[in-house]
PDB file of N, CA and C in Angstrom:
ATOM      1  N   MET A   1      -1.527  -7.835  -9.403  1.00  0.00           N
ATOM      2  CA  MET A   1      -2.053  -9.079  -8.916  1.00  0.00           C
ATOM      3  C   MET A   1      -0.882 -10.019  -8.605  1.00  0.00           C
ATOM      4  N   TYR A   2      -1.041 -10.825  -7.583  1.00  0.00           N
ATOM      5  CA  TYR A   2       0.002 -11.791  -7.252  1.00  0.00           C
ATOM      6  C   TYR A   2      -0.622 -13.143  -6.956  1.00  0.00           C
ATOM      7  N   GLN A   3       0.215 -14.169  -7.090  1.00  0.00           N
ATOM      8  CA  GLN A   3      -0.221 -15.526  -6.802  1.00  0.00           C
ATOM      9  C   GLN A   3       0.953 -16.275  -6.194  1.00  0.00           C
ATOM     10  N   ILE A   4       0.702 -16.964  -5.066  1.00  0.00           N
ATOM     11  CA  ILE A   4       1.717 -17.826  -4.477  1.00  0.00           C
ATOM     12  C   ILE A   4       1.686 -19.126  -5.267  1.00  0.00           C
ATOM     13  N   ILE A   5       2.787 -19.459  -5.910  1.00  0.00           N
ATOM     14  CA  ILE A   5       2.881 -20.666  -6.732  1.00  0.00           C
ATOM     15  C   ILE A   5       3.357 -21.848  -5.902  1.00  0.00           C
ATOM     16  N   SER A   6       4.340 -21.604  -5.053  1.00  0.00           N
ATOM     17  CA  SER A   6       4.914 -22.672  -4.244  1.00  0.00           C
ATOM     18  C   SER A   6       5.450 -22.081  -2.948  1.00  0.00           C
ATOM     19  N   SER A   7       5.359 -22.864  -1.889  1.00  0.00           N
ATOM     20  CA  SER A   7       5.829 -22.387  -0.601  1.00  0.00           C
ATOM     21  C   SER A   7       6.351 -23.563   0.211  1.00  0.00           C
ATOM     22  N   THR A   8       7.549 -23.411   0.741  1.00  0.00           N
ATOM     23  CA  THR A   8       8.120 -24.360   1.682  1.00  0.00           C
ATOM     24  C   THR A   8       8.504 -23.551   2.922  1.00  0.00           C
ATOM     25  N   PRO A   9       8.925 -24.197   4.003  1.00  0.00           N
ATOM     26  CA  PRO A   9       9.289 -23.422   5.191  1.00  0.00           C
ATOM     27  C   PRO A   9      10.380 -22.368   4.952  1.00  0.00           C
ATOM     28  N   GLU A  10      11.260 -22.608   3.963  1.00  0.00           N
ATOM     29  CA  GLU A  10      12.364 -21.666   3.748  1.00  0.00           C
ATOM     30  C   GLU A  10      12.414 -21.086   2.338  1.00  0.00           C
ATOM     31  N   SER A  11      11.340 -21.262   1.559  1.00  0.00           N
ATOM     32  CA  SER A  11      11.348 -20.712   0.201  1.00  0.00           C
ATOM     33  C   SER A  11       9.938 -20.332  -0.237  1.00  0.00           C
ATOM     34  N   LEU A  12       9.904 -19.448  -1.237  1.00  0.00           N
ATOM     35  CA  LEU A  12       8.631 -18.950  -1.726  1.00  0.00           C
ATOM     36  C   LEU A  12       8.757 -18.635  -3.209  1.00  0.00           C
ATOM     37  N   GLU A  13       7.747 -19.063  -3.976  1.00  0.00           N
ATOM     38  CA  GLU A  13       7.658 -18.683  -5.388  1.00  0.00           C
ATOM     39  C   GLU A  13       6.389 -17.866  -5.566  1.00  0.00           C
ATOM     40  N   VAL A  14       6.555 -16.676  -6.135  1.00  0.00           N
ATOM     41  CA  VAL A  14       5.453 -15.750  -6.330  1.00  0.00           C
ATOM     42  C   VAL A  14       5.409 -15.324  -7.790  1.00  0.00           C
ATOM     43  N   LYS A  15       4.207 -15.264  -8.341  1.00  0.00           N
ATOM     44  CA  LYS A  15       4.012 -14.771  -9.697  1.00  0.00           C
ATOM     45  C   LYS A  15       3.300 -13.429  -9.615  1.00  0.00           C
ATOM     46  N   LEU A  16       3.913 -12.411 -10.221  1.00  0.00           N
ATOM     47  CA  LEU A  16       3.311 -11.086 -10.282  1.00  0.00           C
ATOM     48  C   LEU A  16       2.785 -10.867 -11.687  1.00  0.00           C
ATOM     49  N   SER A  17       1.568 -10.327 -11.810  1.00  0.00           N
ATOM     50  CA  SER A  17       1.010 -10.065 -13.127  1.00  0.00           C
ATOM     51  C   SER A  17       0.174  -8.786 -13.095  1.00  0.00           C
ATOM     52  N   ALA A  18      -0.042  -8.263 -14.282  1.00  0.00           N
ATOM     53  CA  ALA A  18      -0.820  -7.041 -14.455  1.00  0.00           C
ATOM     54  C   ALA A  18      -0.237  -5.926 -13.575  1.00  0.00           C
ATOM     55  N   LYS A  19      -1.000  -5.473 -12.597  1.00  0.00           N
ATOM     56  CA  LYS A  19      -0.577  -4.373 -11.729  1.00  0.00           C
ATOM     57  C   LYS A  19      -0.524  -4.857 -10.283  1.00  0.00           C
ATOM     58  N   VAL A  20       0.570  -4.557  -9.596  1.00  0.00           N
ATOM     59  CA  VAL A  20       0.717  -4.902  -8.183  1.00  0.00           C
ATOM     60  C   VAL A  20       0.733  -3.602  -7.391  1.00  0.00           C
ATOM     61  N   ASP A  21      -0.212  -3.497  -6.445  1.00  0.00           N
ATOM     62  CA  ASP A  21      -0.288  -2.280  -5.642  1.00  0.00           C
ATOM     63  C   ASP A  21       0.277  -2.515  -4.238  1.00  0.00           C
ATOM     64  N   ARG A  22       0.247  -1.486  -3.441  1.00  0.00           N
ATOM     65  CA  ARG A  22       0.827  -1.527  -2.098  1.00  0.00           C
ATOM     66  C   ARG A  22       0.192  -2.612  -1.229  1.00  0.00           C
ATOM     67  N   GLU A  23      -1.129  -2.712  -1.271  1.00  0.00           N
ATOM     68  CA  GLU A  23      -1.834  -3.692  -0.445  1.00  0.00           C
ATOM     69  C   GLU A  23      -1.424  -5.121  -0.808  1.00  0.00           C
ATOM     70  N   GLU A  24      -1.378  -5.419  -2.098  1.00  0.00           N
ATOM     71  CA  GLU A  24      -0.972  -6.764  -2.525  1.00  0.00           C
ATOM     72  C   GLU A  24       0.473  -7.044  -2.151  1.00  0.00           C
ATOM     73  N   TYR A  25       1.337  -6.071  -2.369  1.00  0.00           N
ATOM     74  CA  TYR A  25       2.749  -6.277  -2.063  1.00  0.00           C
ATOM     75  C   TYR A  25       2.956  -6.496  -0.566  1.00  0.00           C
ATOM     76  N   SER A  26       2.168  -5.815   0.248  1.00  0.00           N
ATOM     77  CA  SER A  26       2.257  -6.010   1.699  1.00  0.00           C
ATOM     78  C   SER A  26       1.924  -7.448   2.078  1.00  0.00           C
ATOM     79  N   LYS A  27       0.985  -8.075   1.352  1.00  0.00           N
ATOM     80  CA  LYS A  27       0.626  -9.472   1.621  1.00  0.00           C
ATOM     81  C   LYS A  27       1.785 -10.415   1.277  1.00  0.00           C
ATOM     82  N   ILE A  28       2.483 -10.121   0.200  1.00  0.00           N
ATOM     83  CA  ILE A  28       3.661 -10.924  -0.157  1.00  0.00           C
ATOM     84  C   ILE A  28       4.725 -10.799   0.934  1.00  0.00           C
ATOM     85  N   LEU A  29       4.969  -9.587   1.369  1.00  0.00           N
ATOM     86  CA  LEU A  29       5.972  -9.367   2.420  1.00  0.00           C
ATOM     87  C   LEU A  29       5.579 -10.059   3.719  1.00  0.00           C
ATOM     88  N   LYS A  30       4.284 -10.126   4.016  1.00  0.00           N
ATOM     89  CA  LYS A  30       3.834 -10.845   5.204  1.00  0.00           C
ATOM     90  C   LYS A  30       4.183 -12.326   5.086  1.00  0.00           C
ATOM     91  N   GLU A  31       4.016 -12.891   3.910  1.00  0.00           N
ATOM     92  CA  GLU A  31       4.394 -14.296   3.688  1.00  0.00           C
ATOM     93  C   GLU A  31       5.882 -14.499   4.006  1.00  0.00           C
ATOM     94  N   ILE A  32       6.706 -13.583   3.534  1.00  0.00           N
ATOM     95  CA  ILE A  32       8.153 -13.681   3.783  1.00  0.00           C
ATOM     96  C   ILE A  32       8.445 -13.526   5.271  1.00  0.00           C
ATOM     97  N   LYS A  33       7.828 -12.548   5.904  1.00  0.00           N
ATOM     98  CA  LYS A  33       8.050 -12.326   7.339  1.00  0.00           C
ATOM     99  C   LYS A  33       7.621 -13.530   8.161  1.00  0.00           C
ATOM    100  N   ASP A  34       6.524 -14.166   7.781  1.00  0.00           N
ATOM    101  CA  ASP A  34       6.083 -15.371   8.492  1.00  0.00           C
ATOM    102  C   ASP A  34       7.133 -16.474   8.388  1.00  0.00           C
ATOM    103  N   LYS A  35       7.759 -16.608   7.230  1.00  0.00           N
ATOM    104  CA  LYS A  35       8.818 -17.610   7.061  1.00  0.00           C
ATOM    105  C   LYS A  35      10.028 -17.274   7.920  1.00  0.00           C
ATOM    106  N   LEU A  36      10.294 -15.990   8.076  1.00  0.00           N
ATOM    107  CA  LEU A  36      11.451 -15.560   8.863  1.00  0.00           C
ATOM    108  C   LEU A  36      11.265 -15.817  10.355  1.00  0.00           C
ATOM    109  N   LYS A  37      10.044 -16.110  10.777  1.00  0.00           N
ATOM    110  CA  LYS A  37       9.819 -16.498  12.171  1.00  0.00           C
ATOM    111  C   LYS A  37      10.350 -17.903  12.423  1.00  0.00           C
ATOM    112  N   GLN A  38      10.483 -18.694  11.361  1.00  0.00           N
ATOM    113  CA  GLN A  38      10.949 -20.075  11.443  1.00  0.00           C
ATOM    114  C   GLN A  38      12.416 -20.235  11.038  1.00  0.00           C
ATOM    115  N   SER A  39      12.923 -19.296  10.257  1.00  0.00           N
ATOM    116  CA  SER A  39      14.258 -19.431   9.687  1.00  0.00           C
ATOM    117  C   SER A  39      14.945 -18.064   9.618  1.00  0.00           C
ATOM    118  N   ASP A  40      16.279 -18.084   9.523  1.00  0.00           N
ATOM    119  CA  ASP A  40      17.034 -16.833   9.439  1.00  0.00           C
ATOM    120  C   ASP A  40      17.007 -16.217   8.051  1.00  0.00           C
ATOM    121  N   SER A  41      16.696 -17.040   7.035  1.00  0.00           N
ATOM    122  CA  SER A  41      16.711 -16.530   5.662  1.00  0.00           C
ATOM    123  C   SER A  41      15.677 -17.266   4.822  1.00  0.00           C
ATOM    124  N   VAL A  42      15.381 -16.684   3.667  1.00  0.00           N
ATOM    125  CA  VAL A  42      14.380 -17.222   2.756  1.00  0.00           C
ATOM    126  C   VAL A  42      14.943 -17.184   1.343  1.00  0.00           C
ATOM    127  N   ASP A  43      14.680 -18.251   0.577  1.00  0.00           N
ATOM    128  CA  ASP A  43      14.978 -18.254  -0.856  1.00  0.00           C
ATOM    129  C   ASP A  43      13.706 -17.809  -1.564  1.00  0.00           C
ATOM    130  N   LEU A  44      13.856 -16.940  -2.555  1.00  0.00           N
ATOM    131  CA  LEU A  44      12.694 -16.326  -3.190  1.00  0.00           C
ATOM    132  C   LEU A  44      12.801 -16.391  -4.702  1.00  0.00           C
ATOM    133  N   LEU A  45      11.730 -16.854  -5.354  1.00  0.00           N
ATOM    134  CA  LEU A  45      11.622 -16.839  -6.813  1.00  0.00           C
ATOM    135  C   LEU A  45      10.433 -15.949  -7.149  1.00  0.00           C
ATOM    136  N   VAL A  46      10.683 -14.932  -7.977  1.00  0.00           N
ATOM    137  CA  VAL A  46       9.620 -14.019  -8.390  1.00  0.00           C
ATOM    138  C   VAL A  46       9.527 -14.043  -9.907  1.00  0.00           C
ATOM    139  N   ASP A  47       8.354 -14.418 -10.388  1.00  0.00           N
ATOM    140  CA  ASP A  47       8.071 -14.470 -11.828  1.00  0.00           C
ATOM    141  C   ASP A  47       7.393 -13.162 -12.215  1.00  0.00           C
ATOM    142  N   ILE A  48       8.084 -12.347 -13.017  1.00  0.00           N
ATOM    143  CA  ILE A  48       7.546 -11.048 -13.421  1.00  0.00           C
ATOM    144  C   ILE A  48       7.241 -10.987 -14.920  1.00  0.00           C
ATOM    145  N   LYS A  49       7.139 -12.166 -15.552  1.00  0.00           N
ATOM    146  CA  LYS A  49       6.901 -12.206 -17.002  1.00  0.00           C
ATOM    147  C   LYS A  49       5.651 -11.433 -17.400  1.00  0.00           C
ATOM    148  N   GLU A  50       4.616 -11.492 -16.585  1.00  0.00           N
ATOM    149  CA  GLU A  50       3.341 -10.869 -16.934  1.00  0.00           C
ATOM    150  C   GLU A  50       3.068  -9.592 -16.140  1.00  0.00           C
ATOM    151  N   LEU A  51       4.087  -9.082 -15.462  1.00  0.00           N
ATOM    152  CA  LEU A  51       3.923  -7.860 -14.672  1.00  0.00           C
ATOM    153  C   LEU A  51       3.970  -6.644 -15.591  1.00  0.00           C
ATOM    154  N   ASP A  52       2.944  -5.830 -15.517  1.00  0.00           N
ATOM    155  CA  ASP A  52       2.897  -4.599 -16.302  1.00  0.00           C
ATOM    156  C   ASP A  52       3.359  -3.398 -15.489  1.00  0.00           C
ATOM    157  N   LYS A  53       2.982  -3.392 -14.196  1.00  0.00           N
ATOM    158  CA  LYS A  53       3.273  -2.204 -13.397  1.00  0.00           C
ATOM    159  C   LYS A  53       3.260  -2.530 -11.913  1.00  0.00           C
ATOM    160  N   MET A  54       4.208  -1.943 -11.193  1.00  0.00           N
ATOM    161  CA  MET A  54       4.170  -1.918  -9.735  1.00  0.00           C
ATOM    162  C   MET A  54       3.929  -0.468  -9.341  1.00  0.00           C
ATOM    163  N   THR A  55       2.955  -0.234  -8.475  1.00  0.00           N
ATOM    164  CA  THR A  55       2.670   1.135  -8.063  1.00  0.00           C
ATOM    165  C   THR A  55       3.812   1.659  -7.191  1.00  0.00           C
ATOM    166  N   LEU A  56       3.869   2.965  -7.031  1.00  0.00           N
ATOM    167  CA  LEU A  56       4.892   3.554  -6.168  1.00  0.00           C
ATOM    168  C   LEU A  56       4.740   3.062  -4.730  1.00  0.00           C
ATOM    169  N   GLY A  57       3.510   2.827  -4.310  1.00  0.00           N
ATOM    170  CA  GLY A  57       3.279   2.297  -2.970  1.00  0.00           C
ATOM    171  C   GLY A  57       3.900   0.923  -2.789  1.00  0.00           C
ATOM    172  N   ALA A  58       3.782   0.065  -3.808  1.00  0.00           N
ATOM    173  CA  ALA A  58       4.383  -1.271  -3.749  1.00  0.00           C
ATOM    174  C   ALA A  58       5.902  -1.178  -3.724  1.00  0.00           C
ATOM    175  N   ILE A  59       6.451  -0.310  -4.541  1.00  0.00           N
ATOM    176  CA  ILE A  59       7.904  -0.125  -4.565  1.00  0.00           C
ATOM    177  C   ILE A  59       8.394   0.403  -3.216  1.00  0.00           C
ATOM    178  N   TRP A  60       7.638   1.312  -2.620  1.00  0.00           N
ATOM    179  CA  TRP A  60       7.992   1.869  -1.321  1.00  0.00           C
ATOM    180  C   TRP A  60       7.986   0.781  -0.242  1.00  0.00           C
ATOM    181  N   GLU A  61       6.965  -0.092  -0.259  1.00  0.00           N
ATOM    182  CA  GLU A  61       6.907  -1.207   0.697  1.00  0.00           C
ATOM    183  C   GLU A  61       8.123  -2.117   0.534  1.00  0.00           C
ATOM    184  N   ASP A  62       8.502  -2.393  -0.699  1.00  0.00           N
ATOM    185  CA  ASP A  62       9.664  -3.239  -0.962  1.00  0.00           C
ATOM    186  C   ASP A  62      10.931  -2.598  -0.420  1.00  0.00           C
ATOM    187  N   LEU A  63      11.103  -1.329  -0.670  1.00  0.00           N
ATOM    188  CA  LEU A  63      12.298  -0.627  -0.200  1.00  0.00           C
ATOM    189  C   LEU A  63      12.375  -0.629   1.329  1.00  0.00           C
ATOM    190  N   LYS A  64      11.269  -0.362   1.998  1.00  0.00           N
ATOM    191  CA  LYS A  64      11.257  -0.382   3.468  1.00  0.00           C
ATOM    192  C   LYS A  64      11.611  -1.767   3.996  1.00  0.00           C
ATOM    193  N   PHE A  65      11.053  -2.806   3.372  1.00  0.00           N
ATOM    194  CA  PHE A  65      11.357  -4.179   3.797  1.00  0.00           C
ATOM    195  C   PHE A  65      12.838  -4.483   3.598  1.00  0.00           C
ATOM    196  N   ASP A  66      13.366  -4.129   2.429  1.00  0.00           N
ATOM    197  CA  ASP A  66      14.774  -4.419   2.126  1.00  0.00           C
ATOM    198  C   ASP A  66      15.719  -3.755   3.112  1.00  0.00           C
ATOM    199  N   ILE A  67      15.436  -2.528   3.466  1.00  0.00           N
ATOM    200  CA  ILE A  67      16.313  -1.810   4.389  1.00  0.00           C
ATOM    201  C   ILE A  67      16.205  -2.395   5.797  1.00  0.00           C
ATOM    202  N   LYS A  68      14.992  -2.681   6.244  1.00  0.00           N
ATOM    203  CA  LYS A  68      14.780  -3.205   7.594  1.00  0.00           C
ATOM    204  C   LYS A  68      15.269  -4.646   7.726  1.00  0.00           C
ATOM    205  N   ASN A  69      15.158  -5.415   6.654  1.00  0.00           N
ATOM    206  CA  ASN A  69      15.501  -6.839   6.690  1.00  0.00           C
ATOM    207  C   ASN A  69      16.685  -7.138   5.776  1.00  0.00           C
ATOM    208  N   PHE A  70      17.689  -6.323   5.877  1.00  0.00           N
ATOM    209  CA  PHE A  70      18.870  -6.409   5.022  1.00  0.00           C
ATOM    210  C   PHE A  70      19.437  -7.825   5.001  1.00  0.00           C
ATOM    211  N   ARG A  71      19.500  -8.397   3.836  1.00  0.00           N
ATOM    212  CA  ARG A  71      20.134  -9.681   3.570  1.00  0.00           C
ATOM    213  C   ARG A  71      19.436 -10.904   4.174  1.00  0.00           C
ATOM    214  N   VAL A  72      18.126 -10.847   4.387  1.00  0.00           N
ATOM    215  CA  VAL A  72      17.411 -12.038   4.848  1.00  0.00           C
ATOM    216  C   VAL A  72      17.001 -12.928   3.677  1.00  0.00           C
ATOM    217  N   ILE A  73      17.039 -12.382   2.468  1.00  0.00           N
ATOM    218  CA  ILE A  73      16.798 -13.192   1.283  1.00  0.00           C
ATOM    219  C   ILE A  73      18.132 -13.833   0.918  1.00  0.00           C
ATOM    220  N   ARG A  74      18.184 -15.162   0.994  1.00  0.00           N
ATOM    221  CA  ARG A  74      19.447 -15.869   0.738  1.00  0.00           C
ATOM    222  C   ARG A  74      19.715 -15.954  -0.757  1.00  0.00           C
ATOM    223  N   LYS A  75      18.797 -16.572  -1.491  1.00  0.00           N
ATOM    224  CA  LYS A  75      18.911 -16.658  -2.945  1.00  0.00           C
ATOM    225  C   LYS A  75      17.646 -16.050  -3.540  1.00  0.00           C
ATOM    226  N   PHE A  76      17.833 -15.251  -4.585  1.00  0.00           N
ATOM    227  CA  PHE A  76      16.717 -14.546  -5.200  1.00  0.00           C
ATOM    228  C   PHE A  76      16.754 -14.783  -6.701  1.00  0.00           C
ATOM    229  N   ALA A  77      15.734 -15.475  -7.210  1.00  0.00           N
ATOM    230  CA  ALA A  77      15.621 -15.734  -8.648  1.00  0.00           C
ATOM    231  C   ALA A  77      14.527 -14.845  -9.214  1.00  0.00           C
ATOM    232  N   ILE A  78      14.848 -14.168 -10.292  1.00  0.00           N
ATOM    233  CA  ILE A  78      13.896 -13.313 -10.995  1.00  0.00           C
ATOM    234  C   ILE A  78      13.695 -13.921 -12.373  1.00  0.00           C
ATOM    235  N   VAL A  79      12.437 -14.171 -12.741  1.00  0.00           N
ATOM    236  CA  VAL A  79      12.128 -14.725 -14.053  1.00  0.00           C
ATOM    237  C   VAL A  79      11.329 -13.684 -14.816  1.00  0.00           C
ATOM    238  N   GLY A  80      11.842 -13.287 -15.993  1.00  0.00           N
ATOM    239  CA  GLY A  80      11.134 -12.274 -16.767  1.00  0.00           C
ATOM    240  C   GLY A  80      11.739 -12.067 -18.126  1.00  0.00           C
ATOM    241  N   GLY A  81      11.268 -11.037 -18.787  1.00  0.00           N
ATOM    242  CA  GLY A  81      11.779 -10.676 -20.105  1.00  0.00           C
ATOM    243  C   GLY A  81      13.116  -9.972 -20.001  1.00  0.00           C
ATOM    244  N   GLU A  82      13.837  -9.973 -21.085  1.00  0.00           N
ATOM    245  CA  GLU A  82      15.179  -9.376 -21.079  1.00  0.00           C
ATOM    246  C   GLU A  82      15.161  -7.893 -20.739  1.00  0.00           C
ATOM    247  N   ASP A  83      14.057  -7.209 -21.021  1.00  0.00           N
ATOM    248  CA  ASP A  83      13.971  -5.787 -20.733  1.00  0.00           C
ATOM    249  C   ASP A  83      14.055  -5.476 -19.239  1.00  0.00           C
ATOM    250  N   SER A  84      13.719  -6.432 -18.394  1.00  0.00           N
ATOM    251  CA  SER A  84      13.756  -6.214 -16.954  1.00  0.00           C
ATOM    252  C   SER A  84      14.998  -6.793 -16.286  1.00  0.00           C
ATOM    253  N   GLN A  85      15.825  -7.471 -17.050  1.00  0.00           N
ATOM    254  CA  GLN A  85      16.964  -8.196 -16.482  1.00  0.00           C
ATOM    255  C   GLN A  85      17.924  -7.315 -15.700  1.00  0.00           C
ATOM    256  N   SER A  86      18.518  -6.348 -16.322  1.00  0.00           N
ATOM    257  CA  SER A  86      19.567  -5.583 -15.647  1.00  0.00           C
ATOM    258  C   SER A  86      19.011  -4.730 -14.522  1.00  0.00           C
ATOM    259  N   LEU A  87      17.836  -4.170 -14.701  1.00  0.00           N
ATOM    260  CA  LEU A  87      17.245  -3.337 -13.661  1.00  0.00           C
ATOM    261  C   LEU A  87      16.970  -4.133 -12.400  1.00  0.00           C
ATOM    262  N   MET A  88      16.267  -5.249 -12.524  1.00  0.00           N
ATOM    263  CA  MET A  88      15.889  -6.030 -11.351  1.00  0.00           C
ATOM    264  C   MET A  88      17.099  -6.650 -10.652  1.00  0.00           C
ATOM    265  N   ALA A  89      18.028  -7.163 -11.414  1.00  0.00           N
ATOM    266  CA  ALA A  89      19.201  -7.787 -10.804  1.00  0.00           C
ATOM    267  C   ALA A  89      20.045  -6.757 -10.059  1.00  0.00           C
ATOM    268  N   SER A  90      20.232  -5.585 -10.646  1.00  0.00           N
ATOM    269  CA  SER A  90      21.075  -4.574 -10.001  1.00  0.00           C
ATOM    270  C   SER A  90      20.404  -3.981  -8.770  1.00  0.00           C
ATOM    271  N   ILE A  91      19.091  -3.850  -8.784  1.00  0.00           N
ATOM    272  CA  ILE A  91      18.378  -3.326  -7.618  1.00  0.00           C
ATOM    273  C   ILE A  91      18.420  -4.340  -6.478  1.00  0.00           C
ATOM    274  N   SER A  92      18.287  -5.601  -6.794  1.00  0.00           N
ATOM    275  CA  SER A  92      18.159  -6.648  -5.781  1.00  0.00           C
ATOM    276  C   SER A  92      19.475  -7.087  -5.149  1.00  0.00           C
ATOM    277  N   GLU A  93      20.540  -7.088  -5.897  1.00  0.00           N
ATOM    278  CA  GLU A  93      21.807  -7.672  -5.459  1.00  0.00           C
ATOM    279  C   GLU A  93      22.283  -7.203  -4.082  1.00  0.00           C
ATOM    280  N   PRO A  94      22.230  -5.908  -3.747  1.00  0.00           N
ATOM    281  CA  PRO A  94      22.751  -5.492  -2.438  1.00  0.00           C
ATOM    282  C   PRO A  94      21.979  -6.044  -1.244  1.00  0.00           C
ATOM    283  N   PHE A  95      20.741  -6.471  -1.454  1.00  0.00           N
ATOM    284  CA  PHE A  95      19.894  -6.900  -0.347  1.00  0.00           C
ATOM    285  C   PHE A  95      19.817  -8.410  -0.177  1.00  0.00           C
ATOM    286  N   VAL A  96      20.545  -9.134  -1.001  1.00  0.00           N
ATOM    287  CA  VAL A  96      20.515 -10.593  -0.995  1.00  0.00           C
ATOM    288  C   VAL A  96      21.801 -11.106  -0.361  1.00  0.00           C
ATOM    289  N   SER A  97      21.678 -12.073   0.565  1.00  0.00           N
ATOM    290  CA  SER A  97      22.864 -12.516   1.295  1.00  0.00           C
ATOM    291  C   SER A  97      23.807 -13.371   0.457  1.00  0.00           C
ATOM    292  N   GLU A  98      23.285 -14.163  -0.479  1.00  0.00           N
ATOM    293  CA  GLU A  98      24.165 -15.010  -1.285  1.00  0.00           C
ATOM    294  C   GLU A  98      24.211 -14.578  -2.743  1.00  0.00           C
ATOM    295  N   GLU A  99      23.084 -14.701  -3.426  1.00  0.00           N
ATOM    296  CA  GLU A  99      23.135 -14.447  -4.855  1.00  0.00           C
ATOM    297  C   GLU A  99      21.754 -14.119  -5.408  1.00  0.00           C
ATOM    298  N   ALA A 100      21.729 -13.203  -6.356  1.00  0.00           N
ATOM    299  CA  ALA A 100      20.519 -12.911  -7.127  1.00  0.00           C
ATOM    300  C   ALA A 100      20.811 -13.291  -8.567  1.00  0.00           C
ATOM    301  N   LYS A 101      19.892 -14.039  -9.174  1.00  0.00           N
ATOM    302  CA  LYS A 101      20.078 -14.468 -10.558  1.00  0.00           C
ATOM    303  C   LYS A 101      18.837 -14.135 -11.361  1.00  0.00           C
ATOM    304  N   PHE A 102      19.071 -13.744 -12.606  1.00  0.00           N
ATOM    305  CA  PHE A 102      17.970 -13.504 -13.530  1.00  0.00           C
ATOM    306  C   PHE A 102      17.849 -14.687 -14.476  1.00  0.00           C
ATOM    307  N   PHE A 103      16.624 -15.118 -14.716  1.00  0.00           N
ATOM    308  CA  PHE A 103      16.341 -16.191 -15.665  1.00  0.00           C
ATOM    309  C   PHE A 103      15.357 -15.675 -16.704  1.00  0.00           C
ATOM    310  N   ASN A 104      15.617 -15.978 -17.974  1.00  0.00           N
ATOM    311  CA  ASN A 104      14.691 -15.594 -19.033  1.00  0.00           C
ATOM    312  C   ASN A 104      13.370 -16.325 -18.852  1.00  0.00           C
ATOM    313  N   SER A 105      12.343 -15.805 -19.481  1.00  0.00           N
ATOM    314  CA  SER A 105      10.983 -16.355 -19.364  1.00  0.00           C
ATOM    315  C   SER A 105      10.910 -17.854 -19.609  1.00  0.00           C
ATOM    316  N   SER A 106      11.706 -18.351 -20.520  1.00  0.00           N
ATOM    317  CA  SER A 106      11.667 -19.780 -20.856  1.00  0.00           C
ATOM    318  C   SER A 106      12.419 -20.652 -19.847  1.00  0.00           C
ATOM    319  N   GLU A 107      13.072 -20.051 -18.864  1.00  0.00           N
ATOM    320  CA  GLU A 107      13.911 -20.791 -17.930  1.00  0.00           C
ATOM    321  C   GLU A 107      13.295 -20.947 -16.534  1.00  0.00           C
ATOM    322  N   ILE A 108      11.977 -20.937 -16.441  1.00  0.00           N
ATOM    323  CA  ILE A 108      11.317 -21.014 -15.137  1.00  0.00           C
ATOM    324  C   ILE A 108      11.685 -22.299 -14.390  1.00  0.00           C
ATOM    325  N   ASP A 109      11.780 -23.410 -15.094  1.00  0.00           N
ATOM    326  CA  ASP A 109      12.145 -24.671 -14.438  1.00  0.00           C
ATOM    327  C   ASP A 109      13.580 -24.617 -13.916  1.00  0.00           C
ATOM    328  N   LYS A 110      14.448 -24.006 -14.654  1.00  0.00           N
ATOM    329  CA  LYS A 110      15.846 -23.833 -14.231  1.00  0.00           C
ATOM    330  C   LYS A 110      15.905 -22.968 -12.956  1.00  0.00           C
ATOM    331  N   ALA A 111      15.088 -21.927 -12.918  1.00  0.00           N
ATOM    332  CA  ALA A 111      15.032 -21.069 -11.741  1.00  0.00           C
ATOM    333  C   ALA A 111      14.513 -21.842 -10.528  1.00  0.00           C
ATOM    334  N   ARG A 112      13.486 -22.640 -10.740  1.00  0.00           N
ATOM    335  CA  ARG A 112      12.930 -23.456  -9.642  1.00  0.00           C
ATOM    336  C   ARG A 112      13.973 -24.439  -9.115  1.00  0.00           C
ATOM    337  N   ASP A 113      14.714 -25.083 -10.025  1.00  0.00           N
ATOM    338  CA  ASP A 113      15.755 -26.018  -9.603  1.00  0.00           C
ATOM    339  C   ASP A 113      16.799 -25.308  -8.754  1.00  0.00           C
ATOM    340  N   TRP A 114      17.125 -24.087  -9.120  1.00  0.00           N
ATOM    341  CA  TRP A 114      18.140 -23.318  -8.396  1.00  0.00           C
ATOM    342  C   TRP A 114      17.642 -22.916  -7.000  1.00  0.00           C
ATOM    343  N   ILE A 115      16.369 -22.568  -6.904  1.00  0.00           N
ATOM    344  CA  ILE A 115      15.800 -22.129  -5.621  1.00  0.00           C
ATOM    345  C   ILE A 115      15.426 -23.304  -4.733  1.00  0.00           C
ATOM    346  N   PHE A 116      14.711 -24.274  -5.285  1.00  0.00           N
ATOM    347  CA  PHE A 116      14.183 -25.371  -4.484  1.00  0.00           C
ATOM    348  C   PHE A 116      15.122 -26.541  -4.560  1.00  0.00           C
TER     349      PHE A 116
END
């Protein structure tokens, strides 16, 4: 499941929870692509504190987007538990044009300040 928390012309905050499948992930990517029609890059904050699982279809959609749209994400903030820190940051870093940062669950406001 996903929820758009905040959206500006050049930034997006998304909360992922429970299970995210291919169809839902495609909707998130559409939001990003729509922003890219207005701007060359997007700042992205993804809250994964309550995410239990991403299906292989969702992961595949993400990989296809990352390869096709290499480095269109300018700043990428990931908010979650420490167990996801190194995995998410290392996977994301090559596809981000400026910087990817991980924030612990309690640092959501700090992440928002950094993105917005």
